[in-house]
Amino acid sequence: PPAQHPNPCPPGYEPDDQDSCVDVDECAQALHDCRPSQDCH
């Protein structure tokens, strides 16, 4: 893959357009491992 800049944010956050760290919504982006019978918060 093309060279990417390392993520300067702590785990669970990502930089936005202004290089501020914003929370990653793992539930909305399906980045969670919750079972189908469980709710993701």
Full PDB file with SEQRES, HELIX, SHEET, SSBOND, CRYST1, ORIGX, SCALE, CONECT and MASTER records, all heavy atoms in Angstrom:
SEQRES   1 A   41  PRO PRO ALA GLN HIS PRO ASN PRO CYS PRO PRO GLY TYR          
SEQRES   2 A   41  GLU PRO ASP ASP GLN ASP SER CYS VAL ASP VAL ASP GLU          
SEQRES   3 A   41  CYS ALA GLN ALA LEU HIS ASP CYS ARG PRO SER GLN ASP          
SEQRES   4 A   41  CYS HIS                                                      
SHEET    1 AA1 2 TYR A  13  PRO A  15  0                                        
SHEET    2 AA1 2 CYS A  21  ASP A  23 -1                                        
SSBOND   1 CYS A    9    CYS A   21                          1555   1555  2.12  
SSBOND   2 CYS A   27    CYS A   40                          1555   1555  1.91  
CRYST1    1.000    1.000    1.000  90.00  90.00  90.00 P 1           1          
ORIGX1      1.000000  0.000000  0.000000        0.00000                         
ORIGX2      0.000000  1.000000  0.000000        0.00000                         
ORIGX3      0.000000  0.000000  1.000000        0.00000                         
SCALE1      1.000000  0.000000  0.000000        0.00000                         
SCALE2      0.000000  1.000000  0.000000        0.00000                         
SCALE3      0.000000  0.000000  1.000000        0.00000                         
ATOM      1  N   PRO A   1       0.840  -1.207   0.000  1.00  0.00           N  
ATOM      2  CA  PRO A   1       0.000   0.000   0.000  1.00  0.00           C  
ATOM      3  C   PRO A   1       0.867   1.246   0.000  1.00  0.00           C  
ATOM      4  O   PRO A   1       2.034   1.198   0.393  1.00  0.00           O  
ATOM      5  CB  PRO A   1      -0.797  -0.131   1.306  1.00  0.00           C  
ATOM      6  CG  PRO A   1       0.035  -0.994   2.182  1.00  0.00           C  
ATOM      7  CD  PRO A   1       0.783  -1.925   1.271  1.00  0.00           C  
ATOM      8  N   PRO A   2       0.312   2.362  -0.450  1.00  0.00           N  
ATOM      9  CA  PRO A   2       1.090   3.603  -0.429  1.00  0.00           C  
ATOM     10  C   PRO A   2       1.445   3.981   1.004  1.00  0.00           C  
ATOM     11  O   PRO A   2       0.751   3.634   1.948  1.00  0.00           O  
ATOM     12  CB  PRO A   2       0.151   4.633  -1.061  1.00  0.00           C  
ATOM     13  CG  PRO A   2      -1.215   4.040  -0.947  1.00  0.00           C  
ATOM     14  CD  PRO A   2      -1.032   2.556  -0.983  1.00  0.00           C  
ATOM     15  N   ALA A   3       2.539   4.664   1.124  1.00  0.00           N  
ATOM     16  CA  ALA A   3       3.022   5.048   2.454  1.00  0.00           C  
ATOM     17  C   ALA A   3       1.982   5.894   3.164  1.00  0.00           C  
ATOM     18  O   ALA A   3       1.408   6.818   2.587  1.00  0.00           O  
ATOM     19  CB  ALA A   3       4.336   5.813   2.327  1.00  0.00           C  
ATOM     20  N   GLN A   4       1.710   5.532   4.403  1.00  0.00           N  
ATOM     21  CA  GLN A   4       0.736   6.270   5.190  1.00  0.00           C  
ATOM     22  C   GLN A   4       1.435   6.912   6.375  1.00  0.00           C  
ATOM     23  O   GLN A   4       2.408   6.387   6.900  1.00  0.00           O  
ATOM     24  CB  GLN A   4      -0.374   5.341   5.686  1.00  0.00           C  
ATOM     25  CG  GLN A   4      -1.199   4.730   4.580  1.00  0.00           C  
ATOM     26  CD  GLN A   4      -2.264   3.790   5.134  1.00  0.00           C  
ATOM     27  OE1 GLN A   4      -2.244   3.426   6.285  1.00  0.00           O  
ATOM     28  NE2 GLN A   4      -3.193   3.413   4.265  1.00  0.00           N  
ATOM     29  N   HIS A   5       0.890   8.033   6.771  1.00  0.00           N  
ATOM     30  CA  HIS A   5       1.444   8.690   7.947  1.00  0.00           C  
ATOM     31  C   HIS A   5       1.003   7.918   9.174  1.00  0.00           C  
ATOM     32  O   HIS A   5      -0.142   7.495   9.258  1.00  0.00           O  
ATOM     33  CB  HIS A   5       0.960  10.139   8.021  1.00  0.00           C  
ATOM     34  CG  HIS A   5       1.379  10.964   6.835  1.00  0.00           C  
ATOM     35  ND1 HIS A   5       2.683  11.287   6.591  1.00  0.00           N  
ATOM     36  CD2 HIS A   5       0.657  11.510   5.815  1.00  0.00           C  
ATOM     37  CE1 HIS A   5       2.755  12.007   5.489  1.00  0.00           C  
ATOM     38  NE2 HIS A   5       1.536  12.147   4.991  1.00  0.00           N  
ATOM     39  N   PRO A   6       1.905   7.712  10.119  1.00  0.00           N  
ATOM     40  CA  PRO A   6       1.493   6.993  11.326  1.00  0.00           C  
ATOM     41  C   PRO A   6       0.418   7.788  12.063  1.00  0.00           C  
ATOM     42  O   PRO A   6       0.386   9.017  12.025  1.00  0.00           O  
ATOM     43  CB  PRO A   6       2.784   6.891  12.139  1.00  0.00           C  
ATOM     44  CG  PRO A   6       3.686   7.960  11.594  1.00  0.00           C  
ATOM     45  CD  PRO A   6       3.293   8.142  10.162  1.00  0.00           C  
ATOM     46  N   ASN A   7      -0.462   7.051  12.721  1.00  0.00           N  
ATOM     47  CA  ASN A   7      -1.555   7.683  13.460  1.00  0.00           C  
ATOM     48  C   ASN A   7      -0.991   8.281  14.747  1.00  0.00           C  
ATOM     49  O   ASN A   7      -0.527   7.559  15.622  1.00  0.00           O  
ATOM     50  CB  ASN A   7      -2.627   6.641  13.775  1.00  0.00           C  
ATOM     51  CG  ASN A   7      -3.852   7.241  14.437  1.00  0.00           C  
ATOM     52  OD1 ASN A   7      -3.895   8.422  14.740  1.00  0.00           O  
ATOM     53  ND2 ASN A   7      -4.857   6.417  14.660  1.00  0.00           N  
ATOM     54  N   PRO A   8      -1.020   9.609  14.866  1.00  0.00           N  
ATOM     55  CA  PRO A   8      -0.463  10.235  16.072  1.00  0.00           C  
ATOM     56  C   PRO A   8      -1.402  10.155  17.268  1.00  0.00           C  
ATOM     57  O   PRO A   8      -1.048  10.584  18.361  1.00  0.00           O  
ATOM     58  CB  PRO A   8      -0.263  11.699  15.640  1.00  0.00           C  
ATOM     59  CG  PRO A   8      -1.345  11.928  14.639  1.00  0.00           C  
ATOM     60  CD  PRO A   8      -1.533  10.607  13.929  1.00  0.00           C  
ATOM     61  N   CYS A   9      -2.594   9.610  17.068  1.00  0.00           N  
ATOM     62  CA  CYS A   9      -3.609   9.592  18.132  1.00  0.00           C  
ATOM     63  C   CYS A   9      -3.509   8.304  18.938  1.00  0.00           C  
ATOM     64  O   CYS A   9      -3.018   7.284  18.459  1.00  0.00           O  
ATOM     65  CB  CYS A   9      -4.996   9.711  17.517  1.00  0.00           C  
ATOM     66  SG  CYS A   9      -5.244  11.242  16.598  1.00  0.00           S  
ATOM     67  N   PRO A  10      -4.026   8.321  20.157  1.00  0.00           N  
ATOM     68  CA  PRO A  10      -4.056   7.091  20.965  1.00  0.00           C  
ATOM     69  C   PRO A  10      -5.020   6.078  20.360  1.00  0.00           C  
ATOM     70  O   PRO A  10      -5.839   6.425  19.505  1.00  0.00           O  
ATOM     71  CB  PRO A  10      -4.519   7.574  22.343  1.00  0.00           C  
ATOM     72  CG  PRO A  10      -5.187   8.878  22.101  1.00  0.00           C  
ATOM     73  CD  PRO A  10      -4.550   9.482  20.885  1.00  0.00           C  
ATOM     74  N   PRO A  11      -4.941   4.813  20.792  1.00  0.00           N  
ATOM     75  CA  PRO A  11      -5.855   3.791  20.260  1.00  0.00           C  
ATOM     76  C   PRO A  11      -7.311   4.197  20.463  1.00  0.00           C  
ATOM     77  O   PRO A  11      -7.683   4.727  21.514  1.00  0.00           O  
ATOM     78  CB  PRO A  11      -5.507   2.541  21.075  1.00  0.00           C  
ATOM     79  CG  PRO A  11      -4.120   2.766  21.551  1.00  0.00           C  
ATOM     80  CD  PRO A  11      -3.979   4.246  21.735  1.00  0.00           C  
ATOM     81  N   GLY A  12      -8.126   3.957  19.434  1.00  0.00           N  
ATOM     82  CA  GLY A  12      -9.539   4.312  19.504  1.00  0.00           C  
ATOM     83  C   GLY A  12      -9.825   5.714  19.003  1.00  0.00           C  
ATOM     84  O   GLY A  12     -10.979   6.142  19.003  1.00  0.00           O  
ATOM     85  N   TYR A  13      -8.804   6.430  18.580  1.00  0.00           N  
ATOM     86  CA  TYR A  13      -8.965   7.778  18.044  1.00  0.00           C  
ATOM     87  C   TYR A  13      -8.255   7.869  16.701  1.00  0.00           C  
ATOM     88  O   TYR A  13      -7.344   7.087  16.405  1.00  0.00           O  
ATOM     89  CB  TYR A  13      -8.369   8.826  19.001  1.00  0.00           C  
ATOM     90  CG  TYR A  13      -9.121   8.948  20.302  1.00  0.00           C  
ATOM     91  CD1 TYR A  13      -8.838   8.101  21.368  1.00  0.00           C  
ATOM     92  CD2 TYR A  13     -10.117   9.903  20.458  1.00  0.00           C  
ATOM     93  CE1 TYR A  13      -9.523   8.206  22.567  1.00  0.00           C  
ATOM     94  CE2 TYR A  13     -10.806  10.020  21.655  1.00  0.00           C  
ATOM     95  CZ  TYR A  13     -10.512   9.176  22.705  1.00  0.00           C  
ATOM     96  OH  TYR A  13     -11.197   9.282  23.885  1.00  0.00           O  
ATOM     97  N   GLU A  14      -8.670   8.836  15.890  1.00  0.00           N  
ATOM     98  CA  GLU A  14      -8.028   9.072  14.606  1.00  0.00           C  
ATOM     99  C   GLU A  14      -8.002  10.568  14.339  1.00  0.00           C  
ATOM    100  O   GLU A  14      -8.862  11.312  14.837  1.00  0.00           O  
ATOM    101  CB  GLU A  14      -8.753   8.330  13.485  1.00  0.00           C  
ATOM    102  CG  GLU A  14     -10.189   8.763  13.278  1.00  0.00           C  
ATOM    103  CD  GLU A  14     -10.914   7.916  12.242  1.00  0.00           C  
ATOM    104  OE1 GLU A  14     -10.310   6.978  11.698  1.00  0.00           O  
ATOM    105  OE2 GLU A  14     -12.104   8.210  11.987  1.00  0.00           O  
ATOM    106  N   PRO A  15      -7.025  11.039  13.548  1.00  0.00           N  
ATOM    107  CA  PRO A  15      -6.965  12.478  13.278  1.00  0.00           C  
ATOM    108  C   PRO A  15      -8.049  12.904  12.283  1.00  0.00           C  
ATOM    109  O   PRO A  15      -8.397  12.158  11.377  1.00  0.00           O  
ATOM    110  CB  PRO A  15      -5.567  12.665  12.692  1.00  0.00           C  
ATOM    111  CG  PRO A  15      -5.197  11.335  12.146  1.00  0.00           C  
ATOM    112  CD  PRO A  15      -5.906  10.308  12.972  1.00  0.00           C  
ATOM    113  N   ASP A  16      -8.601  14.092  12.492  1.00  0.00           N  
ATOM    114  CA  ASP A  16      -9.563  14.630  11.536  1.00  0.00           C  
ATOM    115  C   ASP A  16      -8.855  15.596  10.594  1.00  0.00           C  
ATOM    116  O   ASP A  16      -7.614  15.621  10.535  1.00  0.00           O  
ATOM    117  CB  ASP A  16     -10.738  15.301  12.264  1.00  0.00           C  
ATOM    118  CG  ASP A  16     -10.305  16.484  13.126  1.00  0.00           C  
ATOM    119  OD1 ASP A  16      -9.107  16.861  13.079  1.00  0.00           O  
ATOM    120  OD2 ASP A  16     -11.149  17.036  13.845  1.00  0.00           O  
ATOM    121  N   ASP A  17      -9.609  16.393   9.840  1.00  0.00           N  
ATOM    122  CA  ASP A  17      -9.016  17.307   8.862  1.00  0.00           C  
ATOM    123  C   ASP A  17      -8.137  18.371   9.501  1.00  0.00           C  
ATOM    124  O   ASP A  17      -7.216  18.895   8.870  1.00  0.00           O  
ATOM    125  CB  ASP A  17     -10.122  17.991   8.046  1.00  0.00           C  
ATOM    126  CG  ASP A  17     -10.908  16.983   7.214  1.00  0.00           C  
ATOM    127  OD1 ASP A  17     -10.354  15.891   6.950  1.00  0.00           O  
ATOM    128  OD2 ASP A  17     -12.063  17.269   6.850  1.00  0.00           O  
ATOM    129  N   GLN A  18      -8.424  18.719  10.745  1.00  0.00           N  
ATOM    130  CA  GLN A  18      -7.622  19.732  11.443  1.00  0.00           C  
ATOM    131  C   GLN A  18      -6.533  19.103  12.306  1.00  0.00           C  
ATOM    132  O   GLN A  18      -5.970  19.754  13.179  1.00  0.00           O  
ATOM    133  CB  GLN A  18      -8.525  20.604  12.330  1.00  0.00           C  
ATOM    134  CG  GLN A  18      -9.431  21.562  11.578  1.00  0.00           C  
ATOM    135  CD  GLN A  18     -10.663  20.875  11.013  1.00  0.00           C  
ATOM    136  OE1 GLN A  18     -11.174  19.925  11.607  1.00  0.00           O  
ATOM    137  NE2 GLN A  18     -11.120  21.342   9.864  1.00  0.00           N  
ATOM    138  N   ASP A  19      -6.248  17.823  12.078  1.00  0.00           N  
ATOM    139  CA  ASP A  19      -5.246  17.075  12.840  1.00  0.00           C  
ATOM    140  C   ASP A  19      -5.556  17.018  14.333  1.00  0.00           C  
ATOM    141  O   ASP A  19      -4.653  16.905  15.164  1.00  0.00           O  
ATOM    142  CB  ASP A  19      -3.833  17.651  12.619  1.00  0.00           C  
ATOM    143  CG  ASP A  19      -3.306  17.305  11.243  1.00  0.00           C  
ATOM    144  OD1 ASP A  19      -3.744  16.277  10.688  1.00  0.00           O  
ATOM    145  OD2 ASP A  19      -2.470  18.060  10.710  1.00  0.00           O  
ATOM    146  N   SER A  20      -6.833  17.092  14.682  1.00  0.00           N  
ATOM    147  CA  SER A  20      -7.251  16.854  16.058  1.00  0.00           C  
ATOM    148  C   SER A  20      -7.669  15.397  16.179  1.00  0.00           C  
ATOM    149  O   SER A  20      -8.185  14.806  15.238  1.00  0.00           O  
ATOM    150  CB  SER A  20      -8.438  17.751  16.417  1.00  0.00           C  
ATOM    151  OG  SER A  20      -8.071  19.111  16.328  1.00  0.00           O  
ATOM    152  N   CYS A  21      -7.453  14.809  17.328  1.00  0.00           N  
ATOM    153  CA  CYS A  21      -7.812  13.411  17.539  1.00  0.00           C  
ATOM    154  C   CYS A  21      -9.289  13.317  17.898  1.00  0.00           C  
ATOM    155  O   CYS A  21      -9.741  13.951  18.862  1.00  0.00           O  
ATOM    156  CB  CYS A  21      -6.960  12.803  18.655  1.00  0.00           C  
ATOM    157  SG  CYS A  21      -5.221  12.634  18.191  1.00  0.00           S  
ATOM    158  N   VAL A  22     -10.033  12.559  17.112  1.00  0.00           N  
ATOM    159  CA  VAL A  22     -11.460  12.365  17.368  1.00  0.00           C  
ATOM    160  C   VAL A  22     -11.726  10.880  17.594  1.00  0.00           C  
ATOM    161  O   VAL A  22     -11.010  10.020  17.070  1.00  0.00           O  
ATOM    162  CB  VAL A  22     -12.324  12.900  16.197  1.00  0.00           C  
ATOM    163  CG1 VAL A  22     -12.200  14.406  16.084  1.00  0.00           C  
ATOM    164  CG2 VAL A  22     -11.951  12.231  14.893  1.00  0.00           C  
ATOM    165  N   ASP A  23     -12.751  10.613  18.362  1.00  0.00           N  
ATOM    166  CA  ASP A  23     -13.107   9.240  18.698  1.00  0.00           C  
ATOM    167  C   ASP A  23     -13.551   8.472  17.453  1.00  0.00           C  
ATOM    168  O   ASP A  23     -14.263   9.001  16.595  1.00  0.00           O  
ATOM    169  CB  ASP A  23     -14.236   9.237  19.731  1.00  0.00           C  
ATOM    170  CG  ASP A  23     -14.731   7.835  20.042  1.00  0.00           C  
ATOM    171  OD1 ASP A  23     -13.899   6.978  20.368  1.00  0.00           O  
ATOM    172  OD2 ASP A  23     -15.949   7.605  19.937  1.00  0.00           O  
ATOM    173  N   VAL A  24     -13.122   7.224  17.351  1.00  0.00           N  
ATOM    174  CA  VAL A  24     -13.585   6.320  16.291  1.00  0.00           C  
ATOM    175  C   VAL A  24     -14.829   5.604  16.799  1.00  0.00           C  
ATOM    176  O   VAL A  24     -14.799   4.998  17.876  1.00  0.00           O  
ATOM    177  CB  VAL A  24     -12.493   5.281  15.927  1.00  0.00           C  
ATOM    178  CG1 VAL A  24     -13.022   4.278  14.918  1.00  0.00           C  
ATOM    179  CG2 VAL A  24     -11.254   5.965  15.395  1.00  0.00           C  
ATOM    180  N   ASP A  25     -15.920   5.691  16.048  1.00  0.00           N  
ATOM    181  CA  ASP A  25     -17.148   4.995  16.435  1.00  0.00           C  
ATOM    182  C   ASP A  25     -17.074   3.567  15.896  1.00  0.00           C  
ATOM    183  O   ASP A  25     -17.475   3.285  14.771  1.00  0.00           O  
ATOM    184  CB  ASP A  25     -18.376   5.732  15.891  1.00  0.00           C  
ATOM    185  CG  ASP A  25     -19.676   5.169  16.450  1.00  0.00           C  
ATOM    186  OD1 ASP A  25     -19.653   4.042  16.983  1.00  0.00           O  
ATOM    187  OD2 ASP A  25     -20.702   5.852  16.352  1.00  0.00           O  
ATOM    188  N   GLU A  26     -16.532   2.657  16.713  1.00  0.00           N  
ATOM    189  CA  GLU A  26     -16.359   1.270  16.265  1.00  0.00           C  
ATOM    190  C   GLU A  26     -17.684   0.605  15.951  1.00  0.00           C  
ATOM    191  O   GLU A  26     -17.754  -0.280  15.100  1.00  0.00           O  
ATOM    192  CB  GLU A  26     -15.615   0.454  17.341  1.00  0.00           C  
ATOM    193  CG  GLU A  26     -14.175   0.862  17.568  1.00  0.00           C  
ATOM    194  CD  GLU A  26     -14.031   1.976  18.599  1.00  0.00           C  
ATOM    195  OE1 GLU A  26     -15.068   2.495  19.077  1.00  0.00           O  
ATOM    196  OE2 GLU A  26     -12.888   2.317  18.926  1.00  0.00           O  
ATOM    197  N   CYS A  27     -18.742   1.014  16.633  1.00  0.00           N  
ATOM    198  CA  CYS A  27     -20.059   0.399  16.402  1.00  0.00           C  
ATOM    199  C   CYS A  27     -20.593   0.792  15.027  1.00  0.00           C  
ATOM    200  O   CYS A  27     -21.080  -0.063  14.287  1.00  0.00           O  
ATOM    201  CB  CYS A  27     -21.030   0.826  17.494  1.00  0.00           C  
ATOM    202  SG  CYS A  27     -20.511   0.335  19.160  1.00  0.00           S  
ATOM    203  N   ALA A  28     -20.506   2.074  14.686  1.00  0.00           N  
ATOM    204  CA  ALA A  28     -21.035   2.540  13.397  1.00  0.00           C  
ATOM    205  C   ALA A  28     -20.197   2.033  12.239  1.00  0.00           C  
ATOM    206  O   ALA A  28     -20.713   1.780  11.145  1.00  0.00           O  
ATOM    207  CB  ALA A  28     -21.093   4.058  13.384  1.00  0.00           C  
ATOM    208  N   GLN A  29     -18.887   1.858  12.457  1.00  0.00           N  
ATOM    209  CA  GLN A  29     -17.990   1.418  11.383  1.00  0.00           C  
ATOM    210  C   GLN A  29     -17.784  -0.090  11.380  1.00  0.00           C  
ATOM    211  O   GLN A  29     -16.938  -0.591  10.631  1.00  0.00           O  
ATOM    212  CB  GLN A  29     -16.633   2.133  11.502  1.00  0.00           C  
ATOM    213  CG  GLN A  29     -16.722   3.633  11.372  1.00  0.00           C  
ATOM    214  CD  GLN A  29     -15.362   4.304  11.453  1.00  0.00           C  
ATOM    215  OE1 GLN A  29     -14.338   3.704  11.128  1.00  0.00           O  
ATOM    216  NE2 GLN A  29     -15.342   5.554  11.900  1.00  0.00           N  
ATOM    217  N   ALA A  30     -18.532  -0.820  12.188  1.00  0.00           N  
ATOM    218  CA  ALA A  30     -18.440  -2.290  12.268  1.00  0.00           C  
ATOM    219  C   ALA A  30     -17.012  -2.744  12.551  1.00  0.00           C  
ATOM    220  O   ALA A  30     -16.515  -3.700  11.959  1.00  0.00           O  
ATOM    221  CB  ALA A  30     -18.969  -2.939  10.987  1.00  0.00           C  
ATOM    222  N   LEU A  31     -16.344  -2.059  13.469  1.00  0.00           N  
ATOM    223  CA  LEU A  31     -14.985  -2.418  13.870  1.00  0.00           C  
ATOM    224  C   LEU A  31     -14.975  -3.114  15.229  1.00  0.00           C  
ATOM    225  O   LEU A  31     -13.956  -3.165  15.892  1.00  0.00           O  
ATOM    226  CB  LEU A  31     -14.102  -1.161  13.933  1.00  0.00           C  
ATOM    227  CG  LEU A  31     -13.998  -0.353  12.648  1.00  0.00           C  
ATOM    228  CD1 LEU A  31     -13.176   0.910  12.874  1.00  0.00           C  
ATOM    229  CD2 LEU A  31     -13.377  -1.200  11.552  1.00  0.00           C  
ATOM    230  N   HIS A  32     -16.131  -3.637  15.628  1.00  0.00           N  
ATOM    231  CA  HIS A  32     -16.266  -4.282  16.939  1.00  0.00           C  
ATOM    232  C   HIS A  32     -16.361  -5.795  16.757  1.00  0.00           C  
ATOM    233  O   HIS A  32     -16.488  -6.305  15.649  1.00  0.00           O  
ATOM    234  CB  HIS A  32     -17.521  -3.762  17.655  1.00  0.00           C  
ATOM    235  CG  HIS A  32     -18.776  -4.047  16.882  1.00  0.00           C  
ATOM    236  ND1 HIS A  32     -19.459  -5.237  16.965  1.00  0.00           N  
ATOM    237  CD2 HIS A  32     -19.466  -3.287  15.987  1.00  0.00           C  
ATOM    238  CE1 HIS A  32     -20.505  -5.210  16.164  1.00  0.00           C  
ATOM    239  NE2 HIS A  32     -20.539  -4.038  15.556  1.00  0.00           N  
ATOM    240  N   ASP A  33     -16.285  -6.512  17.876  1.00  0.00           N  
ATOM    241  CA  ASP A  33     -16.422  -7.970  17.835  1.00  0.00           C  
ATOM    242  C   ASP A  33     -17.606  -8.433  18.680  1.00  0.00           C  
ATOM    243  O   ASP A  33     -17.606  -9.536  19.214  1.00  0.00           O  
ATOM    244  CB  ASP A  33     -15.130  -8.661  18.293  1.00  0.00           C  
ATOM    245  CG  ASP A  33     -14.726  -8.284  19.712  1.00  0.00           C  
ATOM    246  OD1 ASP A  33     -15.409  -7.426  20.322  1.00  0.00           O  
ATOM    247  OD2 ASP A  33     -13.741  -8.846  20.214  1.00  0.00           O  
ATOM    248  N   CYS A  34     -18.628  -7.577  18.783  1.00  0.00           N  
ATOM    249  CA  CYS A  34     -19.821  -7.969  19.538  1.00  0.00           C  
ATOM    250  C   CYS A  34     -20.554  -9.078  18.792  1.00  0.00           C  
ATOM    251  O   CYS A  34     -20.597  -9.093  17.558  1.00  0.00           O  
ATOM    252  CB  CYS A  34     -20.760  -6.774  19.723  1.00  0.00           C  
ATOM    253  SG  CYS A  34     -20.059  -5.429  20.710  1.00  0.00           S  
ATOM    254  N   ARG A  35     -21.150  -9.987  19.543  1.00  0.00           N  
ATOM    255  CA  ARG A  35     -21.942 -11.060  18.960  1.00  0.00           C  
ATOM    256  C   ARG A  35     -23.233 -10.498  18.378  1.00  0.00           C  
ATOM    257  O   ARG A  35     -23.691  -9.436  18.795  1.00  0.00           O  
ATOM    258  CB  ARG A  35     -22.276 -12.111  20.024  1.00  0.00           C  
ATOM    259  CG  ARG A  35     -21.067 -12.788  20.643  1.00  0.00           C  
ATOM    260  CD  ARG A  35     -20.471 -13.763  19.663  1.00  0.00           C  
ATOM    261  NE  ARG A  35     -19.305 -14.432  20.213  1.00  0.00           N  
ATOM    262  CZ  ARG A  35     -19.212 -15.736  20.351  1.00  0.00           C  
ATOM    263  NH1 ARG A  35     -20.193 -16.517  19.986  1.00  0.00           N  
ATOM    264  NH2 ARG A  35     -18.115 -16.277  20.833  1.00  0.00           N  
ATOM    265  N   PRO A  36     -23.864 -11.238  17.429  1.00  0.00           N  
ATOM    266  CA  PRO A  36     -25.134 -10.755  16.880  1.00  0.00           C  
ATOM    267  C   PRO A  36     -26.219 -10.563  17.938  1.00  0.00           C  
ATOM    268  O   PRO A  36     -27.102  -9.725  17.772  1.00  0.00           O  
ATOM    269  CB  PRO A  36     -25.528 -11.856  15.886  1.00  0.00           C  
ATOM    270  CG  PRO A  36     -24.246 -12.506  15.513  1.00  0.00           C  
ATOM    271  CD  PRO A  36     -23.373 -12.422  16.728  1.00  0.00           C  
ATOM    272  N   SER A  37     -26.139 -11.317  19.027  1.00  0.00           N  
ATOM    273  CA  SER A  37     -27.155 -11.177  20.076  1.00  0.00           C  
ATOM    274  C   SER A  37     -26.866 -10.013  21.015  1.00  0.00           C  
ATOM    275  O   SER A  37     -27.650  -9.750  21.924  1.00  0.00           O  
ATOM    276  CB  SER A  37     -27.243 -12.482  20.882  1.00  0.00           C  
ATOM    277  OG  SER A  37     -26.000 -12.738  21.531  1.00  0.00           O  
ATOM    278  N   GLN A  38     -25.741  -9.309  20.822  1.00  0.00           N  
ATOM    279  CA  GLN A  38     -25.356  -8.230  21.720  1.00  0.00           C  
ATOM    280  C   GLN A  38     -25.522  -6.873  21.043  1.00  0.00           C  
ATOM    281  O   GLN A  38     -25.527  -6.769  19.814  1.00  0.00           O  
ATOM    282  CB  GLN A  38     -23.894  -8.401  22.154  1.00  0.00           C  
ATOM    283  CG  GLN A  38     -23.637  -9.675  22.945  1.00  0.00           C  
ATOM    284  CD  GLN A  38     -22.163  -9.891  23.230  1.00  0.00           C  
ATOM    285  OE1 GLN A  38     -21.310  -9.435  22.488  1.00  0.00           O  
ATOM    286  NE2 GLN A  38     -21.873 -10.601  24.304  1.00  0.00           N  
ATOM    287  N   ASP A  39     -25.646  -5.831  21.869  1.00  0.00           N  
ATOM    288  CA  ASP A  39     -25.684  -4.453  21.389  1.00  0.00           C  
ATOM    289  C   ASP A  39     -24.307  -3.838  21.571  1.00  0.00           C  
ATOM    290  O   ASP A  39     -23.651  -4.039  22.604  1.00  0.00           O  
ATOM    291  CB  ASP A  39     -26.717  -3.631  22.173  1.00  0.00           C  
ATOM    292  CG  ASP A  39     -28.145  -4.081  21.887  1.00  0.00           C  
ATOM    293  OD1 ASP A  39     -28.388  -4.613  20.788  1.00  0.00           O  
ATOM    294  OD2 ASP A  39     -29.009  -3.896  22.769  1.00  0.00           O  
ATOM    295  N   CYS A  40     -23.878  -3.062  20.573  1.00  0.00           N  
ATOM    296  CA  CYS A  40     -22.590  -2.360  20.649  1.00  0.00           C  
ATOM    297  C   CYS A  40     -22.846  -0.926  21.079  1.00  0.00           C  
ATOM    298  O   CYS A  40     -23.707  -0.241  20.520  1.00  0.00           O  
ATOM    299  CB  CYS A  40     -21.902  -2.405  19.287  1.00  0.00           C  
ATOM    300  SG  CYS A  40     -20.302  -1.559  19.253  1.00  0.00           S  
ATOM    301  N   HIS A  41     -22.104  -0.463  22.096  1.00  0.00           N  
ATOM    302  CA  HIS A  41     -22.212   0.908  22.588  1.00  0.00           C  
ATOM    303  C   HIS A  41     -20.839   1.564  22.469  1.00  0.00           C  
ATOM    304  O   HIS A  41     -19.854   1.066  23.023  1.00  0.00           O  
ATOM    305  CB  HIS A  41     -22.679   0.940  24.049  1.00  0.00           C  
ATOM    306  CG  HIS A  41     -24.031   0.331  24.249  1.00  0.00           C  
ATOM    307  ND1 HIS A  41     -25.195   0.997  23.939  1.00  0.00           N  
ATOM    308  CD2 HIS A  41     -24.398  -0.886  24.703  1.00  0.00           C  
ATOM    309  CE1 HIS A  41     -26.229   0.214  24.202  1.00  0.00           C  
ATOM    310  NE2 HIS A  41     -25.776  -0.938  24.665  1.00  0.00           N  
TER     311      HIS A  41                                                      
CONECT   66  157                                                                
CONECT  157   66                                                                
CONECT  202  300                                                                
CONECT  300  202                                                                
MASTER        0    0    0    0    2    0    0    6  310    1    4    4          
END                                                                             
